[in-house]
Amino acid sequence: MVRFKRGVEILSRFLDILAAISVVLTMSVVVLNIILRSVFKQPITGIMDYVMILTALTIALALANCAIRNGHIAVDYFVEKLPVKVGGLLDMITNFASFAFWAIAAVFMFEYAQTMYATGTVFPTTQIPLAPVLAIIGTGLLALAAVVLYRLLNTVRKLVV
């Protein structure tokens, strides 16, 4: 369990670093576009594609680290009023549903990436293939599912002990 937790933490931190790089790239591309458009009257072709790709990657890659740090919205007010076992049971049910949702979403994202790869779908202006972007998003969702699975297993362990 400790190794699983450590692995999930390392993966989520690595993906968060990639998300931070994506934010910096987004800002750089936007600033460069403004400068090129203002000074040289020549904006970057496909700027919207680049910004959309980088923003989607930023969000997907940051999800797992946000979950590890409890950065997502949680409704603990009512659960704290319940007995510990009932609160733990509700936590377990919620984590199970969340894990199932994110794991299924990741699988569907990978399947969608495969379909886009097979059809050769690209972004309209930049002609960047869509499949790798979708696969990276799927990886972010899978990492989030791993974080939720750790939480689920930890909750079950606390309920059993």
C-alpha atoms as a PDB file:
ATOM      1  CA  MET A   1       0.000   0.000   0.000  1.00  0.00           C
ATOM      2  CA  VAL A   2       2.869   2.352   0.819  1.00  0.00           C
ATOM      3  CA  ARG A   3       4.551   1.624  -2.533  1.00  0.00           C
ATOM      4  CA  PHE A   4       1.273   2.202  -4.370  1.00  0.00           C
ATOM      5  CA  LYS A   5       0.805   5.532  -2.586  1.00  0.00           C
ATOM      6  CA  ARG A   6       4.383   6.571  -3.354  1.00  0.00           C
ATOM      7  CA  GLY A   7       3.982   5.583  -7.014  1.00  0.00           C
ATOM      8  CA  VAL A   8       0.764   7.560  -7.326  1.00  0.00           C
ATOM      9  CA  GLU A   9       2.392  10.584  -5.674  1.00  0.00           C
ATOM     10  CA  ILE A  10       5.413  10.445  -7.995  1.00  0.00           C
ATOM     11  CA  LEU A  11       3.213  10.056 -11.079  1.00  0.00           C
ATOM     12  CA  SER A  12       0.899  12.890 -10.078  1.00  0.00           C
ATOM     13  CA  ARG A  13       3.830  15.190  -9.308  1.00  0.00           C
ATOM     14  CA  PHE A  14       5.443  14.403 -12.677  1.00  0.00           C
ATOM     15  CA  LEU A  15       2.185  15.095 -14.510  1.00  0.00           C
ATOM     16  CA  ASP A  16       1.800  18.325 -12.538  1.00  0.00           C
ATOM     17  CA  ILE A  17       5.249  19.449 -13.692  1.00  0.00           C
ATOM     18  CA  LEU A  18       4.160  18.768 -17.277  1.00  0.00           C
ATOM     19  CA  ALA A  19       0.998  20.789 -16.610  1.00  0.00           C
ATOM     20  CA  ALA A  20       3.098  23.686 -15.331  1.00  0.00           C
ATOM     21  CA  ILE A  21       5.246  23.527 -18.463  1.00  0.00           C
ATOM     22  CA  SER A  22       2.048  23.585 -20.502  1.00  0.00           C
ATOM     23  CA  VAL A  23       0.899  26.752 -18.699  1.00  0.00           C
ATOM     24  CA  VAL A  24       4.231  28.438 -19.427  1.00  0.00           C
ATOM     25  CA  LEU A  25       4.019  27.381 -23.078  1.00  0.00           C
ATOM     26  CA  THR A  26       0.470  28.723 -23.315  1.00  0.00           C
ATOM     27  CA  MET A  27       1.511  32.084 -21.909  1.00  0.00           C
ATOM     28  CA  SER A  28       4.584  32.187 -24.152  1.00  0.00           C
ATOM     29  CA  VAL A  29       2.618  31.423 -27.309  1.00  0.00           C
ATOM     30  CA  VAL A  30      -0.017  34.051 -26.482  1.00  0.00           C
ATOM     31  CA  VAL A  31       2.575  36.735 -25.681  1.00  0.00           C
ATOM     32  CA  LEU A  32       4.595  35.862 -28.786  1.00  0.00           C
ATOM     33  CA  ASN A  33       1.439  36.078 -30.886  1.00  0.00           C
ATOM     34  CA  ILE A  34       0.622  39.523 -29.465  1.00  0.00           C
ATOM     35  CA  ILE A  35       4.145  40.763 -30.185  1.00  0.00           C
ATOM     36  CA  LEU A  36       4.207  39.322 -33.702  1.00  0.00           C
ATOM     37  CA  ARG A  37       0.777  40.732 -34.491  1.00  0.00           C
ATOM     38  CA  SER A  38       1.540  44.180 -33.068  1.00  0.00           C
ATOM     39  CA  VAL A  39       5.083  44.679 -34.308  1.00  0.00           C
ATOM     40  CA  PHE A  40       5.262  42.649 -37.521  1.00  0.00           C
ATOM     41  CA  LYS A  41       1.546  42.489 -38.408  1.00  0.00           C
ATOM     42  CA  GLN A  42       2.004  38.733 -38.727  1.00  0.00           C
ATOM     43  CA  PRO A  43       0.193  36.668 -36.035  1.00  0.00           C
ATOM     44  CA  ILE A  44       0.906  33.000 -35.406  1.00  0.00           C
ATOM     45  CA  THR A  45      -1.236  30.858 -37.682  1.00  0.00           C
ATOM     46  CA  GLY A  46      -3.360  28.442 -35.670  1.00  0.00           C
ATOM     47  CA  ILE A  47      -2.918  30.203 -32.344  1.00  0.00           C
ATOM     48  CA  MET A  48      -6.344  28.987 -31.221  1.00  0.00           C
ATOM     49  CA  ASP A  49      -5.357  25.370 -31.881  1.00  0.00           C
ATOM     50  CA  TYR A  50      -2.176  25.747 -29.844  1.00  0.00           C
ATOM     51  CA  VAL A  51      -3.963  27.434 -26.947  1.00  0.00           C
ATOM     52  CA  MET A  52      -6.783  24.852 -26.942  1.00  0.00           C
ATOM     53  CA  ILE A  53      -4.331  21.941 -26.956  1.00  0.00           C
ATOM     54  CA  LEU A  54      -2.129  23.377 -24.225  1.00  0.00           C
ATOM     55  CA  THR A  55      -5.094  24.342 -22.039  1.00  0.00           C
ATOM     56  CA  ALA A  56      -6.649  20.878 -22.326  1.00  0.00           C
ATOM     57  CA  LEU A  57      -3.304  19.291 -21.459  1.00  0.00           C
ATOM     58  CA  THR A  58      -2.843  21.636 -18.503  1.00  0.00           C
ATOM     59  CA  ILE A  59      -6.187  20.690 -16.996  1.00  0.00           C
ATOM     60  CA  ALA A  60      -5.888  16.944 -17.603  1.00  0.00           C
ATOM     61  CA  LEU A  61      -2.328  16.691 -16.323  1.00  0.00           C
ATOM     62  CA  ALA A  62      -2.991  18.706 -13.157  1.00  0.00           C
ATOM     63  CA  LEU A  63      -6.052  16.718 -12.016  1.00  0.00           C
ATOM     64  CA  ALA A  64      -4.222  13.950 -10.134  1.00  0.00           C
ATOM     65  CA  ASN A  65      -1.943  16.255  -8.151  1.00  0.00           C
ATOM     66  CA  CYS A  66      -4.908  18.451  -7.279  1.00  0.00           C
ATOM     67  CA  ALA A  67      -6.717  15.360  -5.962  1.00  0.00           C
ATOM     68  CA  ILE A  68      -3.709  14.273  -3.881  1.00  0.00           C
ATOM     69  CA  ARG A  69      -3.617  17.708  -2.258  1.00  0.00           C
ATOM     70  CA  ASN A  70      -7.400  17.638  -1.625  1.00  0.00           C
ATOM     71  CA  GLY A  71      -7.795  20.585  -3.964  1.00  0.00           C
ATOM     72  CA  HIS A  72     -11.124  19.435  -5.352  1.00  0.00           C
ATOM     73  CA  ILE A  73     -14.451  20.471  -3.928  1.00  0.00           C
ATOM     74  CA  ALA A  74     -15.653  18.230  -1.103  1.00  0.00           C
ATOM     75  CA  VAL A  75     -18.818  18.379   0.963  1.00  0.00           C
ATOM     76  CA  ASP A  76     -17.477  17.435   4.373  1.00  0.00           C
ATOM     77  CA  TYR A  77     -19.760  19.607   6.467  1.00  0.00           C
ATOM     78  CA  PHE A  78     -22.602  17.073   6.641  1.00  0.00           C
ATOM     79  CA  VAL A  79     -20.375  14.003   6.687  1.00  0.00           C
ATOM     80  CA  GLU A  80     -18.508  15.298   9.750  1.00  0.00           C
ATOM     81  CA  LYS A  81     -21.814  15.396  11.653  1.00  0.00           C
ATOM     82  CA  LEU A  82     -22.377  11.663  11.065  1.00  0.00           C
ATOM     83  CA  PRO A  83     -20.893   8.797  13.098  1.00  0.00           C
ATOM     84  CA  VAL A  84     -17.387   7.823  11.970  1.00  0.00           C
ATOM     85  CA  LYS A  85     -18.446   4.464  10.488  1.00  0.00           C
ATOM     86  CA  VAL A  86     -21.344   5.996   8.528  1.00  0.00           C
ATOM     87  CA  GLY A  87     -19.101   8.788   7.259  1.00  0.00           C
ATOM     88  CA  GLY A  88     -16.491   6.222   6.258  1.00  0.00           C
ATOM     89  CA  LEU A  89     -19.115   4.171   4.443  1.00  0.00           C
ATOM     90  CA  LEU A  90     -20.312   7.258   2.551  1.00  0.00           C
ATOM     91  CA  ASP A  91     -16.701   8.108   1.747  1.00  0.00           C
ATOM     92  CA  MET A  92     -16.147   4.580   0.464  1.00  0.00           C
ATOM     93  CA  ILE A  93     -19.247   4.692  -1.756  1.00  0.00           C
ATOM     94  CA  THR A  94     -18.305   8.111  -3.114  1.00  0.00           C
ATOM     95  CA  ASN A  95     -14.716   7.059  -3.805  1.00  0.00           C
ATOM     96  CA  PHE A  96     -15.871   3.864  -5.505  1.00  0.00           C
ATOM     97  CA  ALA A  97     -18.262   5.782  -7.768  1.00  0.00           C
ATOM     98  CA  SER A  98     -15.582   8.363  -8.489  1.00  0.00           C
ATOM     99  CA  PHE A  99     -12.982   5.702  -9.279  1.00  0.00           C
ATOM    100  CA  ALA A 100     -15.363   3.878 -11.603  1.00  0.00           C
ATOM    101  CA  PHE A 101     -16.269   7.111 -13.396  1.00  0.00           C
ATOM    102  CA  TRP A 102     -12.679   8.298 -13.932  1.00  0.00           C
ATOM    103  CA  ALA A 103     -11.400   4.848 -14.917  1.00  0.00           C
ATOM    104  CA  ILE A 104     -14.187   4.472 -17.484  1.00  0.00           C
ATOM    105  CA  ALA A 105     -13.595   8.023 -18.735  1.00  0.00           C
ATOM    106  CA  ALA A 106      -9.890   7.212 -19.202  1.00  0.00           C
ATOM    107  CA  VAL A 107     -10.685   4.013 -21.108  1.00  0.00           C
ATOM    108  CA  PHE A 108     -13.110   5.871 -23.372  1.00  0.00           C
ATOM    109  CA  MET A 109     -10.528   8.605 -23.931  1.00  0.00           C
ATOM    110  CA  PHE A 110      -7.927   6.026 -24.995  1.00  0.00           C
ATOM    111  CA  GLU A 111     -10.477   4.375 -27.303  1.00  0.00           C
ATOM    112  CA  TYR A 112     -11.334   7.769 -28.781  1.00  0.00           C
ATOM    113  CA  ALA A 113      -7.618   8.460 -29.284  1.00  0.00           C
ATOM    114  CA  GLN A 114      -7.309   5.143 -31.133  1.00  0.00           C
ATOM    115  CA  THR A 115     -10.229   6.067 -33.375  1.00  0.00           C
ATOM    116  CA  MET A 116      -8.744   9.485 -34.116  1.00  0.00           C
ATOM    117  CA  TYR A 117      -5.394   7.844 -34.872  1.00  0.00           C
ATOM    118  CA  ALA A 118      -7.011   5.322 -37.228  1.00  0.00           C
ATOM    119  CA  THR A 119      -8.912   8.034 -39.092  1.00  0.00           C
ATOM    120  CA  GLY A 120      -5.957  10.435 -39.106  1.00  0.00           C
ATOM    121  CA  THR A 121      -7.937  13.284 -37.573  1.00  0.00           C
ATOM    122  CA  VAL A 122      -5.969  16.496 -37.129  1.00  0.00           C
ATOM    123  CA  PHE A 123      -6.603  19.975 -35.779  1.00  0.00           C
ATOM    124  CA  PRO A 124      -7.983  22.149 -38.584  1.00  0.00           C
ATOM    125  CA  THR A 125      -5.439  24.942 -38.857  1.00  0.00           C
ATOM    126  CA  THR A 126      -2.202  23.494 -37.512  1.00  0.00           C
ATOM    127  CA  GLN A 127      -2.710  19.935 -38.800  1.00  0.00           C
ATOM    128  CA  ILE A 128      -1.472  18.568 -35.449  1.00  0.00           C
ATOM    129  CA  PRO A 129      -2.729  14.981 -34.956  1.00  0.00           C
ATOM    130  CA  LEU A 130      -5.507  14.780 -32.373  1.00  0.00           C
ATOM    131  CA  ALA A 131      -4.708  11.246 -31.143  1.00  0.00           C
ATOM    132  CA  PRO A 132      -1.590  12.043 -29.054  1.00  0.00           C
ATOM    133  CA  VAL A 133      -3.383  14.919 -27.328  1.00  0.00           C
ATOM    134  CA  LEU A 134      -6.289  12.632 -26.440  1.00  0.00           C
ATOM    135  CA  ALA A 135      -3.899   9.927 -25.212  1.00  0.00           C
ATOM    136  CA  ILE A 136      -2.174  12.413 -22.893  1.00  0.00           C
ATOM    137  CA  ILE A 137      -5.567  13.540 -21.582  1.00  0.00           C
ATOM    138  CA  GLY A 138      -6.442   9.872 -21.010  1.00  0.00           C
ATOM    139  CA  THR A 139      -3.208   9.458 -19.051  1.00  0.00           C
ATOM    140  CA  GLY A 140      -4.188  12.375 -16.817  1.00  0.00           C
ATOM    141  CA  LEU A 141      -7.610  10.826 -16.212  1.00  0.00           C
ATOM    142  CA  LEU A 142      -6.038   7.451 -15.454  1.00  0.00           C
ATOM    143  CA  ALA A 143      -3.698   9.077 -12.921  1.00  0.00           C
ATOM    144  CA  LEU A 144      -6.708  10.721 -11.278  1.00  0.00           C
ATOM    145  CA  ALA A 145      -8.418   7.313 -11.124  1.00  0.00           C
ATOM    146  CA  ALA A 146      -5.298   5.908  -9.425  1.00  0.00           C
ATOM    147  CA  VAL A 147      -5.420   8.656  -6.785  1.00  0.00           C
ATOM    148  CA  VAL A 148      -9.100   7.948  -6.132  1.00  0.00           C
ATOM    149  CA  LEU A 149      -8.371   4.193  -5.972  1.00  0.00           C
ATOM    150  CA  TYR A 150      -5.724   4.850  -3.316  1.00  0.00           C
ATOM    151  CA  ARG A 151      -8.257   6.904  -1.347  1.00  0.00           C
ATOM    152  CA  LEU A 152     -10.831   4.122  -1.707  1.00  0.00           C
ATOM    153  CA  LEU A 153      -8.405   1.454  -0.478  1.00  0.00           C
ATOM    154  CA  ASN A 154      -7.307   3.675   2.390  1.00  0.00           C
ATOM    155  CA  THR A 155     -10.938   4.272   3.423  1.00  0.00           C
ATOM    156  CA  VAL A 156     -11.708   0.532   3.287  1.00  0.00           C
ATOM    157  CA  ARG A 157      -8.598  -0.176   5.393  1.00  0.00           C
ATOM    158  CA  LYS A 158      -9.728   2.360   8.012  1.00  0.00           C
ATOM    159  CA  LEU A 159     -13.243   0.894   8.121  1.00  0.00           C
ATOM    160  CA  VAL A 160     -12.001  -2.671   8.538  1.00  0.00           C
ATOM    161  CA  VAL A 161      -9.484  -1.857  11.289  1.00  0.00           C
END
